[in-house]
PDB file of N, CA and C in Angstrom:
ATOM      1  N   MET A   1      -1.691 -17.029  -0.728  1.00  0.00           N
ATOM      2  CA  MET A   1      -0.825 -16.324  -1.775  1.00  0.00           C
ATOM      3  C   MET A   1      -0.363 -17.397  -2.729  1.00  0.00           C
ATOM      4  N   ALA A   2       0.060 -18.594  -2.399  1.00  0.00           N
ATOM      5  CA  ALA A   2       0.342 -19.710  -3.486  1.00  0.00           C
ATOM      6  C   ALA A   2      -0.874 -19.748  -4.344  1.00  0.00           C
ATOM      7  N   LEU A   3      -2.074 -19.881  -3.921  1.00  0.00           N
ATOM      8  CA  LEU A   3      -3.176 -20.204  -4.891  1.00  0.00           C
ATOM      9  C   LEU A   3      -3.283 -19.051  -5.763  1.00  0.00           C
ATOM     10  N   VAL A   4      -3.257 -17.734  -5.242  1.00  0.00           N
ATOM     11  CA  VAL A   4      -3.284 -16.447  -5.958  1.00  0.00           C
ATOM     12  C   VAL A   4      -2.235 -16.464  -7.182  1.00  0.00           C
ATOM     13  N   ARG A   5      -0.959 -16.810  -6.777  1.00  0.00           N
ATOM     14  CA  ARG A   5       0.249 -16.909  -7.740  1.00  0.00           C
ATOM     15  C   ARG A   5       0.083 -17.931  -8.615  1.00  0.00           C
ATOM     16  N   GLU A   6      -0.577 -19.099  -8.347  1.00  0.00           N
ATOM     17  CA  GLU A   6      -0.789 -20.057  -9.345  1.00  0.00           C
ATOM     18  C   GLU A   6      -1.884 -20.247 -10.061  1.00  0.00           C
ATOM     19  N   THR A   7      -2.911 -19.151  -9.888  1.00  0.00           N
ATOM     20  CA  THR A   7      -4.094 -19.088 -10.726  1.00  0.00           C
ATOM     21  C   THR A   7      -4.190 -17.875 -11.428  1.00  0.00           C
ATOM     22  N   SER A   8      -4.019 -18.115 -12.963  1.00  0.00           N
ATOM     23  CA  SER A   8      -3.876 -16.606 -13.579  1.00  0.00           C
ATOM     24  C   SER A   8      -5.141 -15.654 -13.447  1.00  0.00           C
ATOM     25  N   SER A   9      -6.240 -16.325 -13.269  1.00  0.00           N
ATOM     26  CA  SER A   9      -7.403 -15.268 -13.048  1.00  0.00           C
ATOM     27  C   SER A   9      -7.207 -14.695 -11.687  1.00  0.00           C
ATOM     28  N   LEU A  10      -6.968 -15.321 -10.601  1.00  0.00           N
ATOM     29  CA  LEU A  10      -6.786 -14.582  -9.442  1.00  0.00           C
ATOM     30  C   LEU A  10      -5.505 -13.617  -9.357  1.00  0.00           C
ATOM     31  N   CYS A  11      -4.588 -14.084  -9.978  1.00  0.00           N
ATOM     32  CA  CYS A  11      -3.352 -13.397 -10.293  1.00  0.00           C
ATOM     33  C   CYS A  11      -3.673 -11.946 -10.821  1.00  0.00           C
ATOM     34  N   ALA A  12      -4.543 -12.077 -11.952  1.00  0.00           N
ATOM     35  CA  ALA A  12      -4.806 -10.795 -12.714  1.00  0.00           C
ATOM     36  C   ALA A  12      -5.712 -10.051 -11.953  1.00  0.00           C
ATOM     37  N   ARG A  13      -6.812 -10.525 -11.024  1.00  0.00           N
ATOM     38  CA  ARG A  13      -7.530  -9.738 -10.283  1.00  0.00           C
ATOM     39  C   ARG A  13      -6.757  -8.984  -9.237  1.00  0.00           C
ATOM     40  N   ARG A  14      -5.897  -9.719  -8.721  1.00  0.00           N
ATOM     41  CA  ARG A  14      -4.958  -9.154  -7.539  1.00  0.00           C
ATOM     42  C   ARG A  14      -4.239  -7.891  -8.206  1.00  0.00           C
ATOM     43  N   LEU A  15      -3.684  -8.072  -9.461  1.00  0.00           N
ATOM     44  CA  LEU A  15      -3.070  -6.941  -9.938  1.00  0.00           C
ATOM     45  C   LEU A  15      -3.971  -5.811 -10.374  1.00  0.00           C
ATOM     46  N   GLU A  16      -5.085  -6.137 -10.728  1.00  0.00           N
ATOM     47  CA  GLU A  16      -6.107  -5.049 -11.134  1.00  0.00           C
ATOM     48  C   GLU A  16      -6.678  -4.296  -9.847  1.00  0.00           C
ATOM     49  N   LYS A  17      -6.820  -4.964  -8.673  1.00  0.00           N
ATOM     50  CA  LYS A  17      -7.127  -4.419  -7.374  1.00  0.00           C
ATOM     51  C   LYS A  17      -6.094  -3.676  -6.997  1.00  0.00           C
ATOM     52  N   GLN A  18      -4.947  -3.974  -7.072  1.00  0.00           N
ATOM     53  CA  GLN A  18      -3.578  -3.194  -6.635  1.00  0.00           C
ATOM     54  C   GLN A  18      -3.205  -2.079  -7.363  1.00  0.00           C
ATOM     55  N   ASP A  19      -3.682  -2.115  -8.587  1.00  0.00           N
ATOM     56  CA  ASP A  19      -3.510  -0.937  -9.549  1.00  0.00           C
ATOM     57  C   ASP A  19      -4.331   0.160  -9.204  1.00  0.00           C
ATOM     58  N   GLY A  20      -5.674  -0.080  -8.555  1.00  0.00           N
ATOM     59  CA  GLY A  20      -6.458   0.796  -8.109  1.00  0.00           C
ATOM     60  C   GLY A  20      -6.010   1.395  -6.650  1.00  0.00           C
ATOM     61  N   TRP A  21      -5.474   0.390  -5.816  1.00  0.00           N
ATOM     62  CA  TRP A  21      -4.885   0.890  -4.596  1.00  0.00           C
ATOM     63  C   TRP A  21      -3.690   1.821  -4.718  1.00  0.00           C
ATOM     64  N   ARG A  22      -2.848   1.646  -5.927  1.00  0.00           N
ATOM     65  CA  ARG A  22      -1.756   2.379  -6.165  1.00  0.00           C
ATOM     66  C   ARG A  22      -2.072   3.819  -6.566  1.00  0.00           C
ATOM     67  N   THR A  23      -3.230   3.781  -7.374  1.00  0.00           N
ATOM     68  CA  THR A  23      -3.743   5.180  -7.866  1.00  0.00           C
ATOM     69  C   THR A  23      -4.246   5.983  -6.433  1.00  0.00           C
ATOM     70  N   LEU A  24      -4.989   5.203  -5.540  1.00  0.00           N
ATOM     71  CA  LEU A  24      -5.569   5.872  -4.299  1.00  0.00           C
ATOM     72  C   LEU A  24      -4.444   6.241  -3.430  1.00  0.00           C
ATOM     73  N   LEU A  25      -3.436   5.459  -3.330  1.00  0.00           N
ATOM     74  CA  LEU A  25      -2.158   5.822  -2.455  1.00  0.00           C
ATOM     75  C   LEU A  25      -1.377   7.050  -2.985  1.00  0.00           C
ATOM     76  N   ALA A  26      -1.131   6.885  -4.322  1.00  0.00           N
ATOM     77  CA  ALA A  26      -0.698   8.144  -4.913  1.00  0.00           C
ATOM     78  C   ALA A  26      -1.126   9.335  -4.512  1.00  0.00           C
ATOM     79  N   GLN A  27      -2.579   9.216  -4.822  1.00  0.00           N
ATOM     80  CA  GLN A  27      -3.472  10.447  -4.505  1.00  0.00           C
ATOM     81  C   GLN A  27      -3.466  10.838  -3.207  1.00  0.00           C
ATOM     82  N   ALA A  28      -3.466   9.971  -2.088  1.00  0.00           N
ATOM     83  CA  ALA A  28      -3.250  10.304  -0.870  1.00  0.00           C
ATOM     84  C   ALA A  28      -1.868  11.030  -0.452  1.00  0.00           C
ATOM     85  N   LEU A  29      -0.871  10.452  -1.077  1.00  0.00           N
ATOM     86  CA  LEU A  29       0.390  11.215  -0.739  1.00  0.00           C
ATOM     87  C   LEU A  29       0.395  12.601  -1.627  1.00  0.00           C
ATOM     88  N   ALA A  30      -0.226  12.784  -2.636  1.00  0.00           N
ATOM     89  CA  ALA A  30      -0.410  14.281  -3.113  1.00  0.00           C
ATOM     90  C   ALA A  30      -1.296  15.106  -2.297  1.00  0.00           C
ATOM     91  N   ASP A  31      -2.356  14.335  -1.730  1.00  0.00           N
ATOM     92  CA  ASP A  31      -3.222  15.140  -0.944  1.00  0.00           C
ATOM     93  C   ASP A  31      -2.501  15.775   0.334  1.00  0.00           C
ATOM     94  N   ARG A  32      -1.527  15.241   0.966  1.00  0.00           N
ATOM     95  CA  ARG A  32      -0.707  15.606   2.003  1.00  0.00           C
ATOM     96  C   ARG A  32      -0.198  16.987   1.782  1.00  0.00           C
ATOM     97  N   THR A  33      -0.044  17.353   0.632  1.00  0.00           N
ATOM     98  CA  THR A  33       0.401  18.625   0.233  1.00  0.00           C
ATOM     99  C   THR A  33      -0.445  19.749   0.388  1.00  0.00           C
ATOM    100  N   GLY A  34      -1.876  19.449   0.369  1.00  0.00           N
ATOM    101  CA  GLY A  34      -2.892  20.441   0.453  1.00  0.00           C
ATOM    102  C   GLY A  34      -3.175  21.246  -0.723  1.00  0.00           C
ATOM    103  N   SER A  35      -2.541  20.921  -1.947  1.00  0.00           N
ATOM    104  CA  SER A  35      -2.615  21.526  -3.112  1.00  0.00           C
ATOM    105  C   SER A  35      -3.868  21.293  -3.950  1.00  0.00           C
ATOM    106  N   GLY A  36      -4.406  20.147  -3.829  1.00  0.00           N
ATOM    107  CA  GLY A  36      -5.366  19.627  -4.752  1.00  0.00           C
ATOM    108  C   GLY A  36      -4.868  19.081  -5.911  1.00  0.00           C
ATOM    109  N   ARG A  37      -3.682  19.044  -6.308  1.00  0.00           N
ATOM    110  CA  ARG A  37      -3.265  18.729  -7.504  1.00  0.00           C
ATOM    111  C   ARG A  37      -3.237  17.057  -7.621  1.00  0.00           C
ATOM    112  N   PRO A  38      -2.989  16.599  -8.923  1.00  0.00           N
ATOM    113  CA  PRO A  38      -2.834  15.326  -9.117  1.00  0.00           C
ATOM    114  C   PRO A  38      -1.451  14.719  -8.647  1.00  0.00           C
ATOM    115  N   PRO A  39      -1.275  13.469  -8.352  1.00  0.00           N
ATOM    116  CA  PRO A  39       0.080  12.993  -8.002  1.00  0.00           C
ATOM    117  C   PRO A  39       1.082  13.176  -9.021  1.00  0.00           C
ATOM    118  N   THR A  40       2.279  13.318  -8.387  1.00  0.00           N
ATOM    119  CA  THR A  40       3.422  13.532  -9.255  1.00  0.00           C
ATOM    120  C   THR A  40       3.931  12.273  -9.644  1.00  0.00           C
ATOM    121  N   LEU A  41       4.888  12.247 -10.546  1.00  0.00           N
ATOM    122  CA  LEU A  41       5.558  10.818 -10.773  1.00  0.00           C
ATOM    123  C   LEU A  41       6.294  10.385  -9.697  1.00  0.00           C
ATOM    124  N   ALA A  42       6.896  11.129  -8.897  1.00  0.00           N
ATOM    125  CA  ALA A  42       7.539  10.567  -7.731  1.00  0.00           C
ATOM    126  C   ALA A  42       6.621   9.931  -6.727  1.00  0.00           C
ATOM    127  N   GLU A  43       5.327  10.672  -6.576  1.00  0.00           N
ATOM    128  CA  GLU A  43       4.321  10.009  -5.712  1.00  0.00           C
ATOM    129  C   GLU A  43       3.895   8.697  -6.203  1.00  0.00           C
ATOM    130  N   SER A  44       3.693   8.738  -7.494  1.00  0.00           N
ATOM    131  CA  SER A  44       3.149   7.471  -8.205  1.00  0.00           C
ATOM    132  C   SER A  44       4.091   6.378  -8.060  1.00  0.00           C
ATOM    133  N   VAL A  45       5.385   6.735  -8.110  1.00  0.00           N
ATOM    134  CA  VAL A  45       6.460   5.560  -7.910  1.00  0.00           C
ATOM    135  C   VAL A  45       6.498   5.236  -6.522  1.00  0.00           C
ATOM    136  N   ARG A  46       6.374   6.074  -5.597  1.00  0.00           N
ATOM    137  CA  ARG A  46       6.364   5.669  -4.115  1.00  0.00           C
ATOM    138  C   ARG A  46       5.229   4.905  -3.851  1.00  0.00           C
ATOM    139  N   ALA A  47       4.084   5.132  -4.345  1.00  0.00           N
ATOM    140  CA  ALA A  47       2.892   4.338  -4.131  1.00  0.00           C
ATOM    141  C   ALA A  47       3.033   3.031  -4.777  1.00  0.00           C
ATOM    142  N   ALA A  48       3.802   2.829  -5.865  1.00  0.00           N
ATOM    143  CA  ALA A  48       3.910   1.606  -6.453  1.00  0.00           C
ATOM    144  C   ALA A  48       4.852   0.725  -5.707  1.00  0.00           C
ATOM    145  N   ALA A  49       6.068   1.355  -5.263  1.00  0.00           N
ATOM    146  CA  ALA A  49       7.170   0.635  -4.565  1.00  0.00           C
ATOM    147  C   ALA A  49       6.517   0.160  -3.303  1.00  0.00           C
ATOM    148  N   THR A  50       5.744   0.985  -2.523  1.00  0.00           N
ATOM    149  CA  THR A  50       5.021   0.448  -1.393  1.00  0.00           C
ATOM    150  C   THR A  50       4.388  -0.703  -1.527  1.00  0.00           C
ATOM    151  N   LEU A  51       3.562  -0.831  -2.531  1.00  0.00           N
ATOM    152  CA  LEU A  51       2.827  -2.119  -2.811  1.00  0.00           C
ATOM    153  C   LEU A  51       3.703  -3.168  -3.276  1.00  0.00           C
ATOM    154  N   ASP A  52       4.651  -3.000  -3.880  1.00  0.00           N
ATOM    155  CA  ASP A  52       5.791  -4.049  -4.152  1.00  0.00           C
ATOM    156  C   ASP A  52       6.508  -4.430  -3.082  1.00  0.00           C
ATOM    157  N   CYS A  53       6.952  -3.577  -2.027  1.00  0.00           N
ATOM    158  CA  CYS A  53       7.349  -4.021  -0.891  1.00  0.00           C
ATOM    159  C   CYS A  53       6.500  -4.795   0.011  1.00  0.00           C
ATOM    160  N   LEU A  54       5.341  -4.595  -0.022  1.00  0.00           N
ATOM    161  CA  LEU A  54       4.210  -5.582   0.706  1.00  0.00           C
ATOM    162  C   LEU A  54       4.106  -6.859  -0.109  1.00  0.00           C
ATOM    163  N   ASN A  55       3.901  -6.848  -1.444  1.00  0.00           N
ATOM    164  CA  ASN A  55       3.806  -7.836  -1.914  1.00  0.00           C
ATOM    165  C   ASN A  55       4.825  -8.915  -1.753  1.00  0.00           C
ATOM    166  N   ILE A  56       6.217  -8.510  -1.992  1.00  0.00           N
ATOM    167  CA  ILE A  56       7.172  -9.185  -1.952  1.00  0.00           C
ATOM    168  C   ILE A  56       7.454  -9.928  -0.483  1.00  0.00           C
ATOM    169  N   ALA A  57       7.259  -8.904   0.531  1.00  0.00           N
ATOM    170  CA  ALA A  57       7.302  -9.409   1.823  1.00  0.00           C
ATOM    171  C   ALA A  57       6.371 -10.625   2.196  1.00  0.00           C
ATOM    172  N   LEU A  58       5.038 -10.438   1.613  1.00  0.00           N
ATOM    173  CA  LEU A  58       4.012 -11.450   1.763  1.00  0.00           C
ATOM    174  C   LEU A  58       4.317 -12.704   0.992  1.00  0.00           C
ATOM    175  N   GLU A  59       4.966 -12.659  -0.054  1.00  0.00           N
ATOM    176  CA  GLU A  59       5.458 -13.877  -0.899  1.00  0.00           C
ATOM    177  C   GLU A  59       6.473 -14.588   0.021  1.00  0.00           C
ATOM    178  N   HIS A  60       7.267 -13.737   0.476  1.00  0.00           N
ATOM    179  CA  HIS A  60       8.573 -14.620   1.322  1.00  0.00           C
ATOM    180  C   HIS A  60       7.772 -15.116   2.450  1.00  0.00           C
ATOM    181  N   TRP A  61       6.845 -14.401   3.164  1.00  0.00           N
ATOM    182  CA  TRP A  61       6.233 -15.044   4.336  1.00  0.00           C
ATOM    183  C   TRP A  61       5.397 -16.287   3.923  1.00  0.00           C
ATOM    184  N   SER A  62       4.812 -16.392   2.944  1.00  0.00           N
ATOM    185  CA  SER A  62       3.882 -17.593   2.600  1.00  0.00           C
ATOM    186  C   SER A  62       4.774 -18.654   2.076  1.00  0.00           C
ATOM    187  N   ALA A  63       5.861 -18.388   1.453  1.00  0.00           N
ATOM    188  CA  ALA A  63       6.857 -19.492   0.946  1.00  0.00           C
ATOM    189  C   ALA A  63       7.790 -20.157   2.047  1.00  0.00           C
ATOM    190  N   ASP A  64       7.702 -19.568   3.145  1.00  0.00           N
ATOM    191  CA  ASP A  64       8.838 -19.998   4.133  1.00  0.00           C
ATOM    192  C   ASP A  64       8.196 -19.953   5.516  1.00  0.00           C
ATOM    193  N   THR A  65       7.570 -21.120   5.925  1.00  0.00           N
ATOM    194  CA  THR A  65       7.111 -21.174   7.302  1.00  0.00           C
ATOM    195  C   THR A  65       8.049 -20.610   8.367  1.00  0.00           C
ATOM    196  N   ALA A  66       9.133 -20.877   8.166  1.00  0.00           N
ATOM    197  CA  ALA A  66      10.197 -20.277   9.275  1.00  0.00           C
ATOM    198  C   ALA A  66      10.637 -18.973   9.096  1.00  0.00           C
ATOM    199  N   ALA A  67      10.031 -18.232   8.168  1.00  0.00           N
ATOM    200  CA  ALA A  67      10.303 -16.755   8.090  1.00  0.00           C
ATOM    201  C   ALA A  67       9.832 -15.945   9.097  1.00  0.00           C
ATOM    202  N   ALA A  68      10.397 -14.645   9.245  1.00  0.00           N
ATOM    203  CA  ALA A  68       9.920 -13.829  10.129  1.00  0.00           C
ATOM    204  C   ALA A  68       8.459 -13.585   9.968  1.00  0.00           C
ATOM    205  N   ASP A  69       7.949 -12.773  11.118  1.00  0.00           N
ATOM    206  CA  ASP A  69       6.345 -12.475  11.013  1.00  0.00           C
ATOM    207  C   ASP A  69       6.341 -11.393   9.835  1.00  0.00           C
ATOM    208  N   ARG A  70       5.127 -11.305   9.390  1.00  0.00           N
ATOM    209  CA  ARG A  70       4.860 -10.463   8.210  1.00  0.00           C
ATOM    210  C   ARG A  70       5.288  -8.884   8.541  1.00  0.00           C
ATOM    211  N   GLY A  71       4.999  -8.478   9.544  1.00  0.00           N
ATOM    212  CA  GLY A  71       5.456  -7.230  10.004  1.00  0.00           C
ATOM    213  C   GLY A  71       6.981  -6.767   9.919  1.00  0.00           C
ATOM    214  N   THR A  72       7.649  -7.914  10.499  1.00  0.00           N
ATOM    215  CA  THR A  72       9.185  -7.780  10.268  1.00  0.00           C
ATOM    216  C   THR A  72       9.511  -7.681   8.773  1.00  0.00           C
ATOM    217  N   LEU A  73       8.954  -8.628   8.098  1.00  0.00           N
ATOM    218  CA  LEU A  73       9.312  -8.762   6.698  1.00  0.00           C
ATOM    219  C   LEU A  73       9.064  -7.529   5.860  1.00  0.00           C
ATOM    220  N   VAL A  74       7.840  -6.945   6.140  1.00  0.00           N
ATOM    221  CA  VAL A  74       7.463  -5.639   5.459  1.00  0.00           C
ATOM    222  C   VAL A  74       8.635  -4.699   5.891  1.00  0.00           C
ATOM    223  N   ASP A  75       8.941  -4.592   7.063  1.00  0.00           N
ATOM    224  CA  ASP A  75      10.079  -3.618   7.449  1.00  0.00           C
ATOM    225  C   ASP A  75      11.295  -3.832   6.791  1.00  0.00           C
ATOM    226  N   GLN A  76      11.696  -5.304   6.610  1.00  0.00           N
ATOM    227  CA  GLN A  76      12.846  -5.634   5.868  1.00  0.00           C
ATOM    228  C   GLN A  76      12.784  -5.217   4.464  1.00  0.00           C
ATOM    229  N   ALA A  77      11.633  -5.299   3.870  1.00  0.00           N
ATOM    230  CA  ALA A  77      11.401  -5.021   2.343  1.00  0.00           C
ATOM    231  C   ALA A  77      11.759  -3.388   2.313  1.00  0.00           C
ATOM    232  N   PHE A  78      11.020  -2.622   3.149  1.00  0.00           N
ATOM    233  CA  PHE A  78      11.417  -1.152   3.177  1.00  0.00           C
ATOM    234  C   PHE A  78      12.694  -0.776   3.148  1.00  0.00           C
ATOM    235  N   ALA A  79      13.355  -1.489   4.167  1.00  0.00           N
ATOM    236  CA  ALA A  79      14.732  -1.071   4.468  1.00  0.00           C
ATOM    237  C   ALA A  79      15.690  -1.511   3.325  1.00  0.00           C
ATOM    238  N   ALA A  80      15.228  -2.586   2.576  1.00  0.00           N
ATOM    239  CA  ALA A  80      16.218  -3.012   1.360  1.00  0.00           C
ATOM    240  C   ALA A  80      15.943  -1.975   0.220  1.00  0.00           C
ATOM    241  N   LEU A  81      14.597  -1.399   0.315  1.00  0.00           N
ATOM    242  CA  LEU A  81      14.216  -0.315  -0.901  1.00  0.00           C
ATOM    243  C   LEU A  81      15.212   0.808  -0.523  1.00  0.00           C
ATOM    244  N   ALA A  82      15.449   1.295   0.822  1.00  0.00           N
ATOM    245  CA  ALA A  82      16.272   2.419   1.101  1.00  0.00           C
ATOM    246  C   ALA A  82      17.610   2.329   0.801  1.00  0.00           C
ATOM    247  N   GLY A  83      18.099   0.996   0.491  1.00  0.00           N
ATOM    248  CA  GLY A  83      19.505   0.762   0.228  1.00  0.00           C
ATOM    249  C   GLY A  83      20.435   0.359   1.460  1.00  0.00           C
ATOM    250  N   PRO A  84      21.437   0.057   0.975  1.00  0.00           N
ATOM    251  CA  PRO A  84      22.434  -0.549   2.135  1.00  0.00           C
ATOM    252  C   PRO A  84      22.776   0.662   3.062  1.00  0.00           C
ATOM    253  N   THR A  85      22.840  -0.009   4.419  1.00  0.00           N
ATOM    254  CA  THR A  85      23.422   1.013   5.368  1.00  0.00           C
ATOM    255  C   THR A  85      24.791   0.896   5.490  1.00  0.00           C
ATOM    256  N   THR A  86      25.483   2.098   5.637  1.00  0.00           N
ATOM    257  CA  THR A  86      26.925   2.014   5.903  1.00  0.00           C
ATOM    258  C   THR A  86      27.465   2.804   7.077  1.00  0.00           C
TER     259      THR A  86
END
């Protein structure tokens, strides 16, 4: 993660690949409706947010060797996205 973050060409390639993943994930969300339509704005936003939660969790994991395991960090990232619990 550090190498990718610190190397502009690797960082650019990662973003390029993830843009493709975002498109595929958004389409997978749209396909769940069975309508055969392209993704809605909301589905595209959910796909992007999903990838950002994953990326941020992995950044925290790689930056802090005492951090929780990756799965726990991903769960925490999604919980933070959902908002505060009251």
